[in-house]
Structures are given as C-alpha cells and as structure tokens.
C-alpha cells in the first residue's frame, strides 16, 4: 500500500472535504481517517471500496498498483464526453 495515506489526503483535498465529512460518508471515526492519512493504519476492504466510490477511482489506484487516475463520465452524454476528451488531449499537447 504505497503512499495510500498521501493519496487519500490529496483526493480529500480535491473534493474539498474535511476529515470529519469523509469519515461520515465512509462510516468511520475521524481518528480512523487521520490514521489512514498518516499511514499508521490501513482500511478494511469495505472502507477501501467506499473510498474508491467516493473519489471515483479504482481500488488499484488507491493501493498504488495503478498509476492512472480515471474520470467517471457516467451520466454524461456523448457530446459532453467528447468535450472532456478534447480538453484532455489539448492539455497533453501543451505539456509535450
């Protein structure tokens, strides 16, 4: 579980969630979120799956097995998905 705590903290910041808000969504104590983020404790499988759903990432991403972060486009129509794809391509071109 490489950098699990760092990933959870970064994802939580991206969503503008406090540890308390995340704890409520997952159904754990705030102290558990703090322990996960500090790396002194690791979540159960159920909590890991909750994190993946909340942050729209794979459990493999959270565990450091997959370096690719995905974007959940469910609920968007084909035109909206196309716009997002074009934006990603444009950003990649600017970096390359």
PDB file of N, CA and C in Angstrom:
ATOM      1  N   UNK A   1       0.840  -1.192   0.000  1.00  0.00           N
ATOM      2  CA  UNK A   1       0.000   0.000   0.000  1.00  0.00           C
ATOM      3  C   UNK A   1       0.880   1.247   0.000  1.00  0.00           C
ATOM      4  N   UNK A   2       1.507   1.467  -1.097  1.00  0.00           N
ATOM      5  CA  UNK A   2       2.437   2.573  -1.254  1.00  0.00           C
ATOM      6  C   UNK A   2       1.685   3.907  -1.292  1.00  0.00           C
ATOM      7  N   UNK A   3       2.068   4.820  -0.424  1.00  0.00           N
ATOM      8  CA  UNK A   3       1.517   6.178  -0.398  1.00  0.00           C
ATOM      9  C   UNK A   3      -0.004   6.226  -0.281  1.00  0.00           C
ATOM     10  N   UNK A   4      -0.613   5.234   0.337  1.00  0.00           N
ATOM     11  CA  UNK A   4      -2.066   5.211   0.468  1.00  0.00           C
ATOM     12  C   UNK A   4      -2.572   6.471   1.175  1.00  0.00           C
ATOM     13  N   UNK A   5      -1.954   6.795   2.308  1.00  0.00           N
ATOM     14  CA  UNK A   5      -2.388   7.957   3.081  1.00  0.00           C
ATOM     15  C   UNK A   5      -2.266   9.257   2.303  1.00  0.00           C
ATOM     16  N   UNK A   6      -1.187   9.386   1.567  1.00  0.00           N
ATOM     17  CA  UNK A   6      -0.973  10.588   0.752  1.00  0.00           C
ATOM     18  C   UNK A   6      -2.054  10.707  -0.320  1.00  0.00           C
ATOM     19  N   UNK A   7      -2.410   9.578  -0.930  1.00  0.00           N
ATOM     20  CA  UNK A   7      -3.445   9.597  -1.965  1.00  0.00           C
ATOM     21  C   UNK A   7      -4.806   9.969  -1.385  1.00  0.00           C
ATOM     22  N   UNK A   8      -5.139   9.394  -0.246  1.00  0.00           N
ATOM     23  CA  UNK A   8      -6.429   9.702   0.380  1.00  0.00           C
ATOM     24  C   UNK A   8      -6.503  11.183   0.735  1.00  0.00           C
ATOM     25  N   UNK A   9      -5.432  11.706   1.316  1.00  0.00           N
ATOM     26  CA  UNK A   9      -5.412  13.126   1.688  1.00  0.00           C
ATOM     27  C   UNK A   9      -5.564  14.009   0.442  1.00  0.00           C
ATOM     28  N   UNK A  10      -4.829  13.704  -0.614  1.00  0.00           N
ATOM     29  CA  UNK A  10      -4.905  14.509  -1.839  1.00  0.00           C
ATOM     30  C   UNK A  10      -6.299  14.442  -2.454  1.00  0.00           C
ATOM     31  N   UNK A  11      -6.875  13.259  -2.498  1.00  0.00           N
ATOM     32  CA  UNK A  11      -8.226  13.116  -3.054  1.00  0.00           C
ATOM     33  C   UNK A  11      -9.248  13.849  -2.197  1.00  0.00           C
ATOM     34  N   UNK A  12      -9.055  13.790  -0.893  1.00  0.00           N
ATOM     35  CA  UNK A  12      -9.971  14.503   0.019  1.00  0.00           C
ATOM     36  C   UNK A  12      -9.882  16.010  -0.218  1.00  0.00           C
ATOM     37  N   UNK A  13      -8.673  16.531  -0.376  1.00  0.00           N
ATOM     38  CA  UNK A  13      -8.495  17.957  -0.658  1.00  0.00           C
ATOM     39  C   UNK A  13      -9.136  18.342  -1.992  1.00  0.00           C
ATOM     40  N   UNK A  14      -8.971  17.481  -3.007  1.00  0.00           N
ATOM     41  CA  UNK A  14      -9.570  17.758  -4.317  1.00  0.00           C
ATOM     42  C   UNK A  14     -11.084  17.902  -4.224  1.00  0.00           C
ATOM     43  N   UNK A  15     -11.682  17.110  -3.348  1.00  0.00           N
ATOM     44  CA  UNK A  15     -13.139  17.139  -3.164  1.00  0.00           C
ATOM     45  C   UNK A  15     -13.571  18.184  -2.143  1.00  0.00           C
ATOM     46  N   UNK A  16     -12.598  18.902  -1.578  1.00  0.00           N
ATOM     47  CA  UNK A  16     -12.872  19.921  -0.559  1.00  0.00           C
ATOM     48  C   UNK A  16     -13.635  19.340   0.624  1.00  0.00           C
ATOM     49  N   UNK A  17     -13.177  18.173   1.083  1.00  0.00           N
ATOM     50  CA  UNK A  17     -13.793  17.505   2.226  1.00  0.00           C
ATOM     51  C   UNK A  17     -12.889  17.606   3.445  1.00  0.00           C
ATOM     52  N   UNK A  18     -13.488  17.772   4.595  1.00  0.00           N
ATOM     53  CA  UNK A  18     -12.730  17.686   5.839  1.00  0.00           C
ATOM     54  C   UNK A  18     -12.629  16.211   6.216  1.00  0.00           C
ATOM     55  N   UNK A  19     -11.747  15.925   7.160  1.00  0.00           N
ATOM     56  CA  UNK A  19     -11.665  14.546   7.638  1.00  0.00           C
ATOM     57  C   UNK A  19     -12.998  14.106   8.235  1.00  0.00           C
ATOM     58  N   UNK A  20     -13.666  15.008   8.917  1.00  0.00           N
ATOM     59  CA  UNK A  20     -14.958  14.687   9.528  1.00  0.00           C
ATOM     60  C   UNK A  20     -15.997  14.350   8.457  1.00  0.00           C
ATOM     61  N   UNK A  21     -16.052  15.140   7.396  1.00  0.00           N
ATOM     62  CA  UNK A  21     -17.015  14.884   6.327  1.00  0.00           C
ATOM     63  C   UNK A  21     -16.744  13.540   5.657  1.00  0.00           C
ATOM     64  N   UNK A  22     -15.472  13.251   5.393  1.00  0.00           N
ATOM     65  CA  UNK A  22     -15.130  11.983   4.776  1.00  0.00           C
ATOM     66  C   UNK A  22     -15.474  10.826   5.711  1.00  0.00           C
ATOM     67  N   UNK A  23     -15.175  10.981   6.978  1.00  0.00           N
ATOM     68  CA  UNK A  23     -15.480   9.939   7.962  1.00  0.00           C
ATOM     69  C   UNK A  23     -16.971   9.638   7.991  1.00  0.00           C
ATOM     70  N   UNK A  24     -17.791  10.682   7.919  1.00  0.00           N
ATOM     71  CA  UNK A  24     -19.242  10.493   7.920  1.00  0.00           C
ATOM     72  C   UNK A  24     -19.700   9.753   6.676  1.00  0.00           C
ATOM     73  N   UNK A  25     -19.130  10.084   5.526  1.00  0.00           N
ATOM     74  CA  UNK A  25     -19.514   9.425   4.277  1.00  0.00           C
ATOM     75  C   UNK A  25     -19.125   7.952   4.269  1.00  0.00           C
ATOM     76  N   UNK A  26     -17.969   7.650   4.866  1.00  0.00           N
ATOM     77  CA  UNK A  26     -17.455   6.289   4.859  1.00  0.00           C
ATOM     78  C   UNK A  26     -18.039   5.462   6.006  1.00  0.00           C
ATOM     79  N   UNK A  27     -18.400   6.147   7.096  1.00  0.00           N
ATOM     80  CA  UNK A  27     -18.948   5.446   8.251  1.00  0.00           C
ATOM     81  C   UNK A  27     -17.892   4.992   9.238  1.00  0.00           C
ATOM     82  N   UNK A  28     -16.839   5.796   9.371  1.00  0.00           N
ATOM     83  CA  UNK A  28     -15.771   5.508  10.333  1.00  0.00           C
ATOM     84  C   UNK A  28     -15.549   6.745  11.197  1.00  0.00           C
ATOM     85  N   UNK A  29     -14.741   6.604  12.226  1.00  0.00           N
ATOM     86  CA  UNK A  29     -14.408   7.734  13.091  1.00  0.00           C
ATOM     87  C   UNK A  29     -13.399   8.652  12.403  1.00  0.00           C
ATOM     88  N   UNK A  30     -13.407   9.903  12.803  1.00  0.00           N
ATOM     89  CA  UNK A  30     -12.441  10.866  12.268  1.00  0.00           C
ATOM     90  C   UNK A  30     -11.023  10.394  12.558  1.00  0.00           C
ATOM     91  N   UNK A  31     -10.819   9.787  13.721  1.00  0.00           N
ATOM     92  CA  UNK A  31      -9.486   9.289  14.076  1.00  0.00           C
ATOM     93  C   UNK A  31      -9.012   8.215  13.094  1.00  0.00           C
ATOM     94  N   UNK A  32      -9.945   7.448  12.526  1.00  0.00           N
ATOM     95  CA  UNK A  32      -9.569   6.439  11.531  1.00  0.00           C
ATOM     96  C   UNK A  32      -9.061   7.110  10.259  1.00  0.00           C
ATOM     97  N   UNK A  33      -9.749   8.168   9.806  1.00  0.00           N
ATOM     98  CA  UNK A  33      -9.306   8.902   8.613  1.00  0.00           C
ATOM     99  C   UNK A  33      -7.910   9.468   8.856  1.00  0.00           C
ATOM    100  N   UNK A  34      -7.711  10.044  10.017  1.00  0.00           N
ATOM    101  CA  UNK A  34      -6.405  10.601  10.370  1.00  0.00           C
ATOM    102  C   UNK A  34      -5.334   9.515  10.352  1.00  0.00           C
ATOM    103  N   UNK A  35      -5.659   8.346  10.886  1.00  0.00           N
ATOM    104  CA  UNK A  35      -4.698   7.241  10.911  1.00  0.00           C
ATOM    105  C   UNK A  35      -4.397   6.731   9.506  1.00  0.00           C
ATOM    106  N   UNK A  36      -5.413   6.674   8.649  1.00  0.00           N
ATOM    107  CA  UNK A  36      -5.182   6.255   7.257  1.00  0.00           C
ATOM    108  C   UNK A  36      -4.251   7.237   6.569  1.00  0.00           C
ATOM    109  N   UNK A  37      -4.517   8.525   6.756  1.00  0.00           N
ATOM    110  CA  UNK A  37      -3.712   9.551   6.084  1.00  0.00           C
ATOM    111  C   UNK A  37      -2.280   9.590   6.602  1.00  0.00           C
ATOM    112  N   UNK A  38      -2.090   9.275   7.865  1.00  0.00           N
ATOM    113  CA  UNK A  38      -0.729   9.297   8.422  1.00  0.00           C
ATOM    114  C   UNK A  38       0.035   8.009   8.122  1.00  0.00           C
ATOM    115  N   UNK A  39      -0.686   6.991   7.652  1.00  0.00           N
ATOM    116  CA  UNK A  39      -0.043   5.730   7.330  1.00  0.00           C
ATOM    117  C   UNK A  39       0.122   4.792   8.508  1.00  0.00           C
ATOM    118  N   UNK A  40      -0.462   5.140   9.648  1.00  0.00           N
ATOM    119  CA  UNK A  40      -0.337   4.283  10.825  1.00  0.00           C
ATOM    120  C   UNK A  40      -1.388   3.177  10.861  1.00  0.00           C
ATOM    121  N   UNK A  41      -2.335   3.252   9.950  1.00  0.00           N
ATOM    122  CA  UNK A  41      -3.399   2.253   9.895  1.00  0.00           C
ATOM    123  C   UNK A  41      -3.895   2.151   8.461  1.00  0.00           C
ATOM    124  N   UNK A  42      -4.363   0.959   8.079  1.00  0.00           N
ATOM    125  CA  UNK A  42      -4.914   0.758   6.748  1.00  0.00           C
ATOM    126  C   UNK A  42      -6.376   0.349   6.854  1.00  0.00           C
ATOM    127  N   UNK A  43      -7.196   0.727   5.866  1.00  0.00           N
ATOM    128  CA  UNK A  43      -8.633   0.448   5.950  1.00  0.00           C
ATOM    129  C   UNK A  43      -8.977  -1.006   5.646  1.00  0.00           C
ATOM    130  N   UNK A  44     -10.167  -1.386   6.074  1.00  0.00           N
ATOM    131  CA  UNK A  44     -10.708  -2.691   5.702  1.00  0.00           C
ATOM    132  C   UNK A  44     -11.066  -2.653   4.220  1.00  0.00           C
ATOM    133  N   UNK A  45     -11.370  -3.813   3.673  1.00  0.00           N
ATOM    134  CA  UNK A  45     -11.775  -3.870   2.269  1.00  0.00           C
ATOM    135  C   UNK A  45     -13.023  -3.024   2.021  1.00  0.00           C
ATOM    136  N   UNK A  46     -13.980  -3.095   2.943  1.00  0.00           N
ATOM    137  CA  UNK A  46     -15.219  -2.323   2.780  1.00  0.00           C
ATOM    138  C   UNK A  46     -14.941  -0.827   2.723  1.00  0.00           C
ATOM    139  N   UNK A  47     -14.090  -0.349   3.605  1.00  0.00           N
ATOM    140  CA  UNK A  47     -13.751   1.078   3.630  1.00  0.00           C
ATOM    141  C   UNK A  47     -12.979   1.455   2.371  1.00  0.00           C
ATOM    142  N   UNK A  48     -12.073   0.598   1.938  1.00  0.00           N
ATOM    143  CA  UNK A  48     -11.321   0.842   0.706  1.00  0.00           C
ATOM    144  C   UNK A  48     -12.277   1.006  -0.481  1.00  0.00           C
ATOM    145  N   UNK A  49     -13.268   0.149  -0.558  1.00  0.00           N
ATOM    146  CA  UNK A  49     -14.258   0.225  -1.641  1.00  0.00           C
ATOM    147  C   UNK A  49     -15.075   1.511  -1.527  1.00  0.00           C
ATOM    148  N   UNK A  50     -15.428   1.917  -0.309  1.00  0.00           N
ATOM    149  CA  UNK A  50     -16.138   3.195  -0.121  1.00  0.00           C
ATOM    150  C   UNK A  50     -15.290   4.359  -0.644  1.00  0.00           C
ATOM    151  N   UNK A  51     -14.000   4.352  -0.303  1.00  0.00           N
ATOM    152  CA  UNK A  51     -13.114   5.408  -0.793  1.00  0.00           C
ATOM    153  C   UNK A  51     -13.111   5.443  -2.320  1.00  0.00           C
ATOM    154  N   UNK A  52     -13.004   4.286  -2.942  1.00  0.00           N
ATOM    155  CA  UNK A  52     -12.973   4.220  -4.406  1.00  0.00           C
ATOM    156  C   UNK A  52     -14.248   4.814  -4.999  1.00  0.00           C
ATOM    157  N   UNK A  53     -15.391   4.522  -4.404  1.00  0.00           N
ATOM    158  CA  UNK A  53     -16.661   5.054  -4.909  1.00  0.00           C
ATOM    159  C   UNK A  53     -16.756   6.571  -4.686  1.00  0.00           C
ATOM    160  N   UNK A  54     -16.377   7.019  -3.519  1.00  0.00           N
ATOM    161  CA  UNK A  54     -16.460   8.452  -3.200  1.00  0.00           C
ATOM    162  C   UNK A  54     -15.567   9.275  -4.122  1.00  0.00           C
ATOM    163  N   UNK A  55     -14.351   8.778  -4.364  1.00  0.00           N
ATOM    164  CA  UNK A  55     -13.382   9.538  -5.142  1.00  0.00           C
ATOM    165  C   UNK A  55     -13.373   9.175  -6.621  1.00  0.00           C
ATOM    166  N   UNK A  56     -14.219   8.230  -7.023  1.00  0.00           N
ATOM    167  CA  UNK A  56     -14.310   7.808  -8.431  1.00  0.00           C
ATOM    168  C   UNK A  56     -12.961   7.365  -8.984  1.00  0.00           C
ATOM    169  N   UNK A  57     -12.285   6.535  -8.205  1.00  0.00           N
ATOM    170  CA  UNK A  57     -11.024   5.945  -8.634  1.00  0.00           C
ATOM    171  C   UNK A  57     -11.100   4.443  -8.375  1.00  0.00           C
ATOM    172  N   UNK A  58     -10.152   3.708  -8.909  1.00  0.00           N
ATOM    173  CA  UNK A  58     -10.135   2.266  -8.674  1.00  0.00           C
ATOM    174  C   UNK A  58      -9.434   1.960  -7.349  1.00  0.00           C
ATOM    175  N   UNK A  59      -9.733   0.798  -6.810  1.00  0.00           N
ATOM    176  CA  UNK A  59      -9.014   0.367  -5.609  1.00  0.00           C
ATOM    177  C   UNK A  59      -7.538   0.154  -5.943  1.00  0.00           C
ATOM    178  N   UNK A  60      -7.248  -0.273  -7.161  1.00  0.00           N
ATOM    179  CA  UNK A  60      -5.851  -0.424  -7.588  1.00  0.00           C
ATOM    180  C   UNK A  60      -5.120   0.908  -7.536  1.00  0.00           C
ATOM    181  N   UNK A  61      -5.792   1.981  -7.932  1.00  0.00           N
ATOM    182  CA  UNK A  61      -5.184   3.308  -7.860  1.00  0.00           C
ATOM    183  C   UNK A  61      -4.874   3.663  -6.405  1.00  0.00           C
ATOM    184  N   UNK A  62      -5.833   3.422  -5.520  1.00  0.00           N
ATOM    185  CA  UNK A  62      -5.631   3.743  -4.107  1.00  0.00           C
ATOM    186  C   UNK A  62      -4.483   2.937  -3.499  1.00  0.00           C
ATOM    187  N   UNK A  63      -4.335   1.705  -3.949  1.00  0.00           N
ATOM    188  CA  UNK A  63      -3.302   0.827  -3.408  1.00  0.00           C
ATOM    189  C   UNK A  63      -1.940   1.011  -4.074  1.00  0.00           C
ATOM    190  N   UNK A  64      -1.875   1.867  -5.080  1.00  0.00           N
ATOM    191  CA  UNK A  64      -0.606   2.122  -5.756  1.00  0.00           C
ATOM    192  C   UNK A  64      -0.269   1.108  -6.827  1.00  0.00           C
ATOM    193  N   UNK A  65      -1.211   0.256  -7.193  1.00  0.00           N
ATOM    194  CA  UNK A  65      -0.979  -0.746  -8.231  1.00  0.00           C
ATOM    195  C   UNK A  65      -1.210  -0.174  -9.625  1.00  0.00           C
ATOM    196  N   UNK A  66      -1.994   0.876  -9.711  1.00  0.00           N
ATOM    197  CA  UNK A  66      -2.318   1.521 -10.978  1.00  0.00           C
ATOM    198  C   UNK A  66      -2.006   3.001 -10.839  1.00  0.00           C
ATOM    199  N   UNK A  67      -1.149   3.515 -11.692  1.00  0.00           N
ATOM    200  CA  UNK A  67      -0.762   4.920 -11.606  1.00  0.00           C
ATOM    201  C   UNK A  67      -1.724   5.841 -12.349  1.00  0.00           C
ATOM    202  N   UNK A  68      -2.623   5.253 -13.103  1.00  0.00           N
ATOM    203  CA  UNK A  68      -3.542   6.023 -13.926  1.00  0.00           C
ATOM    204  C   UNK A  68      -4.806   6.355 -13.143  1.00  0.00           C
ATOM    205  N   UNK A  69      -5.102   7.624 -13.049  1.00  0.00           N
ATOM    206  CA  UNK A  69      -6.324   8.075 -12.398  1.00  0.00           C
ATOM    207  C   UNK A  69      -7.378   8.272 -13.480  1.00  0.00           C
ATOM    208  N   UNK A  70      -8.545   7.722 -13.281  1.00  0.00           N
ATOM    209  CA  UNK A  70      -9.592   7.804 -14.302  1.00  0.00           C
ATOM    210  C   UNK A  70     -10.623   8.857 -13.924  1.00  0.00           C
ATOM    211  N   UNK A  71     -11.420   9.224 -14.908  1.00  0.00           N
ATOM    212  CA  UNK A  71     -12.511  10.184 -14.712  1.00  0.00           C
ATOM    213  C   UNK A  71     -13.814   9.450 -14.977  1.00  0.00           C
ATOM    214  N   UNK A  72     -14.719   9.521 -14.036  1.00  0.00           N
ATOM    215  CA  UNK A  72     -16.018   8.880 -14.182  1.00  0.00           C
ATOM    216  C   UNK A  72     -16.909   9.793 -15.023  1.00  0.00           C
ATOM    217  N   UNK A  73     -17.306   9.325 -16.193  1.00  0.00           N
ATOM    218  CA  UNK A  73     -18.143  10.127 -17.082  1.00  0.00           C
ATOM    219  C   UNK A  73     -19.573   9.598 -17.151  1.00  0.00           C
ATOM    220  N   UNK A  74     -19.915   8.698 -16.244  1.00  0.00           N
ATOM    221  CA  UNK A  74     -21.285   8.188 -16.250  1.00  0.00           C
ATOM    222  C   UNK A  74     -22.254   9.341 -15.996  1.00  0.00           C
ATOM    223  N   UNK A  75     -23.347   9.307 -16.696  1.00  0.00           N
ATOM    224  CA  UNK A  75     -24.337  10.375 -16.576  1.00  0.00           C
ATOM    225  C   UNK A  75     -24.141  11.503 -17.571  1.00  0.00           C
ATOM    226  N   UNK A  76     -23.032  11.464 -18.315  1.00  0.00           N
ATOM    227  CA  UNK A  76     -22.791  12.487 -19.335  1.00  0.00           C
ATOM    228  C   UNK A  76     -23.187  11.932 -20.696  1.00  0.00           C
ATOM    229  N   UNK A  77     -23.605  12.824 -21.579  1.00  0.00           N
ATOM    230  CA  UNK A  77     -23.946  12.364 -22.923  1.00  0.00           C
ATOM    231  C   UNK A  77     -22.681  12.332 -23.790  1.00  0.00           C
ATOM    232  N   UNK A  78     -22.810  11.804 -24.995  1.00  0.00           N
ATOM    233  CA  UNK A  78     -21.644  11.628 -25.878  1.00  0.00           C
ATOM    234  C   UNK A  78     -20.967  12.951 -26.215  1.00  0.00           C
ATOM    235  N   UNK A  79     -21.733  14.022 -26.406  1.00  0.00           N
ATOM    236  CA  UNK A  79     -21.139  15.326 -26.704  1.00  0.00           C
ATOM    237  C   UNK A  79     -20.301  15.826 -25.530  1.00  0.00           C
ATOM    238  N   UNK A  80     -20.797  15.654 -24.312  1.00  0.00           N
ATOM    239  CA  UNK A  80     -20.068  16.096 -23.124  1.00  0.00           C
ATOM    240  C   UNK A  80     -18.788  15.277 -22.935  1.00  0.00           C
ATOM    241  N   UNK A  81     -18.873  13.985 -23.180  1.00  0.00           N
ATOM    242  CA  UNK A  81     -17.686  13.127 -23.082  1.00  0.00           C
ATOM    243  C   UNK A  81     -16.658  13.528 -24.132  1.00  0.00           C
ATOM    244  N   UNK A  82     -17.122  13.866 -25.329  1.00  0.00           N
ATOM    245  CA  UNK A  82     -16.229  14.302 -26.398  1.00  0.00           C
ATOM    246  C   UNK A  82     -15.499  15.582 -26.008  1.00  0.00           C
ATOM    247  N   UNK A  83     -16.197  16.507 -25.395  1.00  0.00           N
ATOM    248  CA  UNK A  83     -15.580  17.769 -24.953  1.00  0.00           C
ATOM    249  C   UNK A  83     -14.492  17.502 -23.922  1.00  0.00           C
ATOM    250  N   UNK A  84     -14.776  16.621 -22.982  1.00  0.00           N
ATOM    251  CA  UNK A  84     -13.782  16.282 -21.960  1.00  0.00           C
ATOM    252  C   UNK A  84     -12.569  15.620 -22.599  1.00  0.00           C
ATOM    253  N   UNK A  85     -12.797  14.721 -23.523  1.00  0.00           N
ATOM    254  CA  UNK A  85     -11.704  14.036 -24.216  1.00  0.00           C
ATOM    255  C   UNK A  85     -10.838  15.037 -24.978  1.00  0.00           C
ATOM    256  N   UNK A  86     -11.469  15.980 -25.652  1.00  0.00           N
ATOM    257  CA  UNK A  86     -10.725  17.004 -26.389  1.00  0.00           C
ATOM    258  C   UNK A  86      -9.898  17.865 -25.443  1.00  0.00           C
ATOM    259  N   UNK A  87     -10.457  18.202 -24.298  1.00  0.00           N
ATOM    260  CA  UNK A  87      -9.730  19.015 -23.326  1.00  0.00           C
ATOM    261  C   UNK A  87      -8.503  18.263 -22.808  1.00  0.00           C
ATOM    262  N   UNK A  88      -8.658  16.985 -22.502  1.00  0.00           N
ATOM    263  CA  UNK A  88      -7.532  16.168 -22.038  1.00  0.00           C
ATOM    264  C   UNK A  88      -6.454  16.111 -23.116  1.00  0.00           C
ATOM    265  N   UNK A  89      -6.850  15.894 -24.359  1.00  0.00           N
ATOM    266  CA  UNK A  89      -5.876  15.850 -25.460  1.00  0.00           C
ATOM    267  C   UNK A  89      -5.133  17.178 -25.587  1.00  0.00           C
ATOM    268  N   UNK A  90      -5.859  18.277 -25.488  1.00  0.00           N
ATOM    269  CA  UNK A  90      -5.247  19.607 -25.580  1.00  0.00           C
ATOM    270  C   UNK A  90      -4.239  19.821 -24.450  1.00  0.00           C
ATOM    271  N   UNK A  91      -4.603  19.433 -23.247  1.00  0.00           N
ATOM    272  CA  UNK A  91      -3.686  19.597 -22.115  1.00  0.00           C
ATOM    273  C   UNK A  91      -2.432  18.739 -22.275  1.00  0.00           C
ATOM    274  N   UNK A  92      -2.593  17.543 -22.808  1.00  0.00           N
ATOM    275  CA  UNK A  92      -1.425  16.678 -23.046  1.00  0.00           C
ATOM    276  C   UNK A  92      -0.490  17.288 -24.083  1.00  0.00           C
ATOM    277  N   UNK A  93      -1.048  17.900 -25.126  1.00  0.00           N
ATOM    278  CA  UNK A  93      -0.245  18.529 -26.171  1.00  0.00           C
ATOM    279  C   UNK A  93       0.554  19.685 -25.598  1.00  0.00           C
ATOM    280  N   UNK A  94      -0.046  20.440 -24.701  1.00  0.00           N
ATOM    281  CA  UNK A  94       0.634  21.596 -24.107  1.00  0.00           C
ATOM    282  C   UNK A  94       1.803  21.176 -23.231  1.00  0.00           C
ATOM    283  N   UNK A  95       1.673  20.007 -22.605  1.00  0.00           N
ATOM    284  CA  UNK A  95       2.750  19.512 -21.725  1.00  0.00           C
ATOM    285  C   UNK A  95       3.869  18.859 -22.514  1.00  0.00           C
ATOM    286  N   UNK A  96       3.543  18.340 -23.717  1.00  0.00           N
ATOM    287  CA  UNK A  96       4.530  17.582 -24.503  1.00  0.00           C
ATOM    288  C   UNK A  96       5.350  18.443 -25.341  1.00  0.00           C
TER     289      UNK A  96
END
